Amino acid sequence: MSAPLLQVRGLSRAFGGLRAVDALSFDAGEGEIVGLLGPNGSGKTTALNLISGALVPDRGSVRFAGAELAGAPAYRVVRAGIARTFQLVRVFRSMTVRENVQAGLRFGRSARHGGHRDDEQALLDRVGLGAQAARMASELTYIDQKRLELARALALQPRLLLLDEWLAGLNPSELVEGVRLIRALHEAGMTVLMVEHVMDAIRSLCDRCVVMNSGARIAEGTPAEVLSDARVVQAYLGDDDLEAADV
């Protein structure tokens, strides 16, 4: 049996006396969608920051495709094949939609190795922005800015995509579109690790979920398993009455 694409072992990071991530361990297999869940402040985004090279762990291991990446700078993580979106949308507002994606293509893995890469129009078509290539990024709606950030991440030619609350703030129809887009990426072979609070999307998309609280893993399993786990209900609601839970 082949090793998981991503292996996180004993990952820890403290800020002063606060253990933001505390001995976190989990795997993500090739082609899986894994949800990283937990109440606000549980350490999910910090975990993504440690995996993506935005932060250096105090201890622990992050192995990706067999290579150790713990403590590696973000550019090395990108070159290894990991790309991400952010909780707060980050686009180059003074550039056009097309130019934003060109920036990602410039630093993509295939640009360095001489292999095939999707051009910016194909990437924009893929996320539903093909007709808006000439618009300024600042003129886009909120969901379209999210789509643009996703296209720029895909331009890096990742094997693993980290999504930090990518579905947050969307209205019901936008949410349906967002879920459809993530599912299409998955069906095309993308491995996804997603931090998310939209439980309907978690149930629909995720193969497995890892639940964090106070920096540590408290549950792991299918969406149905973890969302009915008393420890998870307690973490979200402060009440272990499962009948009252709607997480």
Protein backbone atom coordinates (compact mmCIF):
# COMPACT_ATOMS: atom_id res chain seq x y z
CA MET A 1 0.00 0.00 0.00
CA SER A 2 1.43 3.38 -0.97
CA ALA A 3 2.12 6.04 1.64
CA PRO A 4 -0.35 8.93 2.00
CA LEU A 5 0.44 11.99 -0.09
CA LEU A 6 0.53 14.17 3.06
CA GLN A 7 1.67 12.88 6.44
CA VAL A 8 1.54 15.21 9.44
CA ARG A 9 3.10 13.88 12.64
CA GLY A 10 3.36 15.56 16.04
CA LEU A 11 3.05 19.05 14.57
CA SER A 12 3.24 21.72 17.26
CA ARG A 13 3.46 25.49 17.47
CA ALA A 14 3.08 27.76 20.50
CA PHE A 15 2.78 31.54 20.73
CA GLY A 16 3.99 32.50 24.18
CA GLY A 17 2.03 30.28 26.54
CA LEU A 18 -0.66 29.42 23.99
CA ARG A 19 -0.34 26.07 22.22
CA ALA A 20 -2.01 26.93 18.93
CA VAL A 21 -1.23 23.50 17.44
CA ASP A 22 -0.47 20.68 19.85
CA ALA A 23 1.03 17.40 18.59
CA LEU A 24 -1.28 17.25 15.57
CA SER A 25 -1.11 14.09 13.43
CA PHE A 26 -3.15 13.07 10.39
CA ASP A 27 -2.83 11.90 6.78
CA ALA A 28 -4.32 12.89 3.43
CA GLY A 29 -4.26 10.27 0.71
CA GLU A 30 -3.84 10.96 -2.99
CA GLY A 31 -7.18 12.09 -4.44
CA GLU A 32 -8.92 12.56 -1.09
CA ILE A 33 -10.83 15.54 0.22
CA VAL A 34 -10.04 15.85 3.92
CA GLY A 35 -11.89 18.34 6.10
CA LEU A 36 -10.04 20.08 8.91
CA LEU A 37 -12.77 21.10 11.33
CA GLY A 38 -13.11 22.70 14.74
CA PRO A 39 -14.55 25.71 16.52
CA ASN A 40 -13.05 29.17 16.06
CA GLY A 41 -9.63 29.39 17.66
CA SER A 42 -9.01 25.65 17.55
CA GLY A 43 -5.80 25.97 15.50
CA LYS A 44 -6.98 25.06 12.01
CA THR A 45 -5.53 28.03 10.13
CA THR A 46 -2.31 27.81 12.13
CA ALA A 47 -2.06 24.17 11.03
CA LEU A 48 -2.43 25.23 7.39
CA ASN A 49 0.20 27.91 7.94
CA LEU A 50 2.61 25.28 9.27
CA ILE A 51 1.94 22.91 6.38
CA SER A 52 2.26 25.66 3.74
CA GLY A 53 5.48 27.16 5.10
CA ALA A 54 3.96 30.41 6.33
CA LEU A 55 5.01 29.44 9.86
CA VAL A 56 7.83 27.27 11.22
CA PRO A 57 6.75 24.53 13.66
CA ASP A 58 8.33 24.17 17.08
CA ARG A 59 8.43 20.44 16.45
CA GLY A 60 6.88 17.76 14.30
CA SER A 61 6.99 16.45 10.75
CA VAL A 62 5.24 17.39 7.50
CA ARG A 63 6.00 14.83 4.80
CA PHE A 64 4.64 15.43 1.31
CA ALA A 65 5.15 12.88 -1.45
CA GLY A 66 7.90 11.38 0.70
CA ALA A 67 9.83 14.64 1.23
CA GLU A 68 10.14 16.39 4.58
CA LEU A 69 8.82 19.96 4.43
CA ALA A 70 8.49 20.95 8.09
CA GLY A 71 10.14 24.35 8.48
CA ALA A 72 10.73 24.76 4.74
CA PRO A 73 10.06 28.25 3.33
CA ALA A 74 6.80 28.78 1.46
CA TYR A 75 8.45 28.87 -1.98
CA ARG A 76 9.87 25.37 -1.42
CA VAL A 77 6.47 24.10 -0.33
CA VAL A 78 4.93 25.53 -3.52
CA ARG A 79 7.65 23.94 -5.63
CA ALA A 80 6.95 20.60 -3.96
CA GLY A 81 3.34 20.82 -5.14
CA ILE A 82 1.24 22.47 -2.41
CA ALA A 83 -0.85 25.60 -3.05
CA ARG A 84 -3.41 27.36 -0.88
CA THR A 85 -6.11 29.96 -0.60
CA PHE A 86 -6.54 32.22 2.42
CA GLN A 87 -9.28 32.93 4.94
CA LEU A 88 -9.19 36.58 3.88
CA VAL A 89 -9.21 36.77 0.09
CA ARG A 90 -5.89 37.89 -1.36
CA VAL A 91 -5.93 39.13 -4.94
CA PHE A 92 -3.88 41.81 -6.67
CA ARG A 93 -6.62 44.41 -6.82
CA SER A 94 -4.74 46.82 -9.09
CA MET A 95 -4.18 44.12 -11.73
CA THR A 96 -6.59 42.56 -14.18
CA VAL A 97 -8.07 39.12 -13.65
CA ARG A 98 -5.81 37.73 -16.37
CA GLU A 99 -2.70 39.35 -14.86
CA ASN A 100 -3.49 37.83 -11.46
CA VAL A 101 -3.43 34.35 -12.97
CA GLN A 102 -0.32 35.13 -15.01
CA ALA A 103 1.43 35.86 -11.70
CA GLY A 104 0.64 32.33 -10.56
CA LEU A 105 1.76 30.82 -13.86
CA ARG A 106 5.07 32.64 -13.57
CA PHE A 107 5.88 30.73 -10.39
CA GLY A 108 4.17 27.43 -11.19
CA ARG A 109 6.05 24.14 -11.05
CA SER A 110 5.81 23.48 -14.78
CA ALA A 111 7.19 26.94 -15.59
CA ARG A 112 10.47 25.91 -13.95
CA HIS A 113 10.62 22.36 -15.27
CA GLY A 114 9.58 23.05 -18.85
CA GLY A 115 6.47 20.88 -18.73
CA HIS A 116 2.93 21.55 -19.95
CA ARG A 117 0.94 24.16 -18.08
CA ASP A 118 -2.57 25.47 -18.43
CA ASP A 119 -2.66 28.98 -19.86
CA GLU A 120 -4.44 31.73 -18.00
CA GLN A 121 -7.59 31.55 -20.15
CA ALA A 122 -7.99 27.82 -19.52
CA LEU A 123 -7.59 28.37 -15.78
CA LEU A 124 -10.11 31.20 -15.77
CA ASP A 125 -12.55 29.07 -17.75
CA ARG A 126 -12.06 26.28 -15.21
CA VAL A 127 -13.21 28.46 -12.30
CA GLY A 128 -15.95 30.26 -14.24
CA LEU A 129 -14.16 33.57 -14.85
CA GLY A 130 -13.38 33.14 -18.54
CA ALA A 131 -15.54 36.08 -19.62
CA GLN A 132 -14.01 38.45 -17.05
CA ALA A 133 -10.33 38.17 -17.93
CA ALA A 134 -9.96 41.88 -18.79
CA ARG A 135 -11.72 43.22 -15.69
CA MET A 136 -9.83 44.69 -12.77
CA ALA A 137 -9.70 42.34 -9.81
CA SER A 138 -11.05 45.14 -7.60
CA GLU A 139 -14.28 45.15 -9.62
CA LEU A 140 -15.11 41.50 -8.97
CA THR A 141 -17.81 40.32 -6.59
CA TYR A 142 -16.75 38.53 -3.41
CA ILE A 143 -17.28 35.03 -4.84
CA ASP A 144 -15.50 35.96 -8.05
CA GLN A 145 -12.51 37.22 -6.07
CA LYS A 146 -12.50 33.82 -4.36
CA ARG A 147 -12.64 32.14 -7.76
CA LEU A 148 -9.72 34.29 -8.91
CA GLU A 149 -7.63 33.38 -5.88
CA LEU A 150 -8.40 29.72 -6.58
CA ALA A 151 -7.38 30.08 -10.24
CA ARG A 152 -4.10 31.64 -9.17
CA ALA A 153 -3.49 28.73 -6.78
CA LEU A 154 -4.27 26.24 -9.55
CA ALA A 155 -1.77 28.03 -11.78
CA LEU A 156 0.93 26.73 -9.44
CA GLN A 157 0.10 23.20 -10.67
CA PRO A 158 -0.41 21.75 -7.17
CA ARG A 159 -0.95 18.13 -6.22
CA LEU A 160 -2.41 19.26 -2.89
CA LEU A 161 -4.73 22.25 -2.53
CA LEU A 162 -5.25 23.84 0.89
CA LEU A 163 -8.55 25.74 1.17
CA ASP A 164 -8.99 27.99 4.21
CA GLU A 165 -12.75 28.62 4.60
CA TRP A 166 -13.09 29.08 0.85
CA LEU A 167 -16.88 28.66 1.07
CA ALA A 168 -17.35 31.15 3.93
CA GLY A 169 -19.53 34.18 3.28
CA LEU A 170 -21.27 32.80 0.20
CA ASN A 171 -25.03 33.02 -0.27
CA PRO A 172 -26.95 29.76 -0.89
CA SER A 173 -26.71 29.84 -4.69
CA GLU A 174 -23.02 30.79 -4.57
CA LEU A 175 -22.44 27.97 -2.10
CA VAL A 176 -23.92 25.46 -4.53
CA GLU A 177 -21.58 26.78 -7.24
CA GLY A 178 -18.61 26.65 -4.89
CA VAL A 179 -19.29 23.05 -3.87
CA ARG A 180 -19.69 22.10 -7.53
CA LEU A 181 -16.31 23.66 -8.35
CA ILE A 182 -14.48 21.88 -5.53
CA ARG A 183 -16.10 18.60 -6.54
CA ALA A 184 -14.97 19.11 -10.14
CA LEU A 185 -11.39 19.66 -8.97
CA HIS A 186 -11.62 16.47 -6.92
CA GLU A 187 -12.99 14.50 -9.86
CA ALA A 188 -10.03 15.72 -11.91
CA GLY A 189 -7.69 14.13 -9.35
CA MET A 190 -6.89 17.01 -6.99
CA THR A 191 -6.16 16.22 -3.35
CA VAL A 192 -7.79 18.79 -1.07
CA LEU A 193 -7.35 19.69 2.60
CA MET A 194 -10.10 22.13 3.50
CA VAL A 195 -10.76 24.15 6.63
CA GLU A 196 -14.48 24.76 6.67
CA HIS A 197 -17.47 25.61 8.88
CA VAL A 198 -20.20 24.99 6.30
CA MET A 199 -21.33 21.57 7.49
CA ASP A 200 -23.59 20.79 4.53
CA ALA A 201 -20.55 21.22 2.29
CA ILE A 202 -18.42 19.06 4.59
CA ARG A 203 -21.01 16.28 4.47
CA SER A 204 -21.24 16.54 0.69
CA LEU A 205 -17.56 16.83 -0.20
CA CYS A 206 -15.28 15.25 2.38
CA ASP A 207 -14.06 11.66 2.38
CA ARG A 208 -12.71 12.07 5.92
CA CYS A 209 -12.56 14.78 8.56
CA VAL A 210 -10.05 15.66 11.28
CA VAL A 211 -11.50 17.70 14.13
CA MET A 212 -9.35 20.00 16.26
CA ASN A 213 -9.97 21.71 19.57
CA SER A 214 -7.47 23.75 21.59
CA GLY A 215 -4.80 22.89 19.04
CA ALA A 216 -5.14 19.12 19.29
CA ARG A 217 -6.91 16.45 17.25
CA ILE A 218 -9.99 15.21 19.10
CA ALA A 219 -11.68 13.09 16.41
CA GLU A 220 -11.14 11.63 12.96
CA GLY A 221 -13.42 9.72 10.61
CA THR A 222 -16.11 10.17 8.00
CA PRO A 223 -18.24 13.33 8.21
CA ALA A 224 -21.12 11.33 9.68
CA GLU A 225 -18.86 9.78 12.30
CA VAL A 226 -17.17 12.95 13.51
CA LEU A 227 -20.29 15.12 13.47
CA SER A 228 -22.05 12.67 15.77
CA ASP A 229 -19.05 12.30 18.10
CA ALA A 230 -19.78 13.56 21.61
CA ARG A 231 -16.33 15.17 21.84
CA VAL A 232 -17.00 17.17 18.68
CA VAL A 233 -20.44 18.28 19.87
CA GLN A 234 -18.89 19.33 23.18
CA ALA A 235 -16.18 21.33 21.39
CA TYR A 236 -18.67 23.20 19.19
CA LEU A 237 -21.53 23.68 21.62
CA GLY A 238 -20.15 23.17 25.09
CA ASP A 239 -22.91 20.57 25.55
CA ASP A 240 -22.61 16.82 25.06
CA ASP A 241 -26.32 16.35 24.46
CA LEU A 242 -26.22 14.80 20.97
CA GLU A 243 -29.93 15.30 20.42
CA ALA A 244 -29.46 19.06 20.73
CA ALA A 245 -26.50 19.16 18.36
CA ASP A 246 -26.65 20.52 14.83
CA VAL A 247 -22.98 20.80 13.92
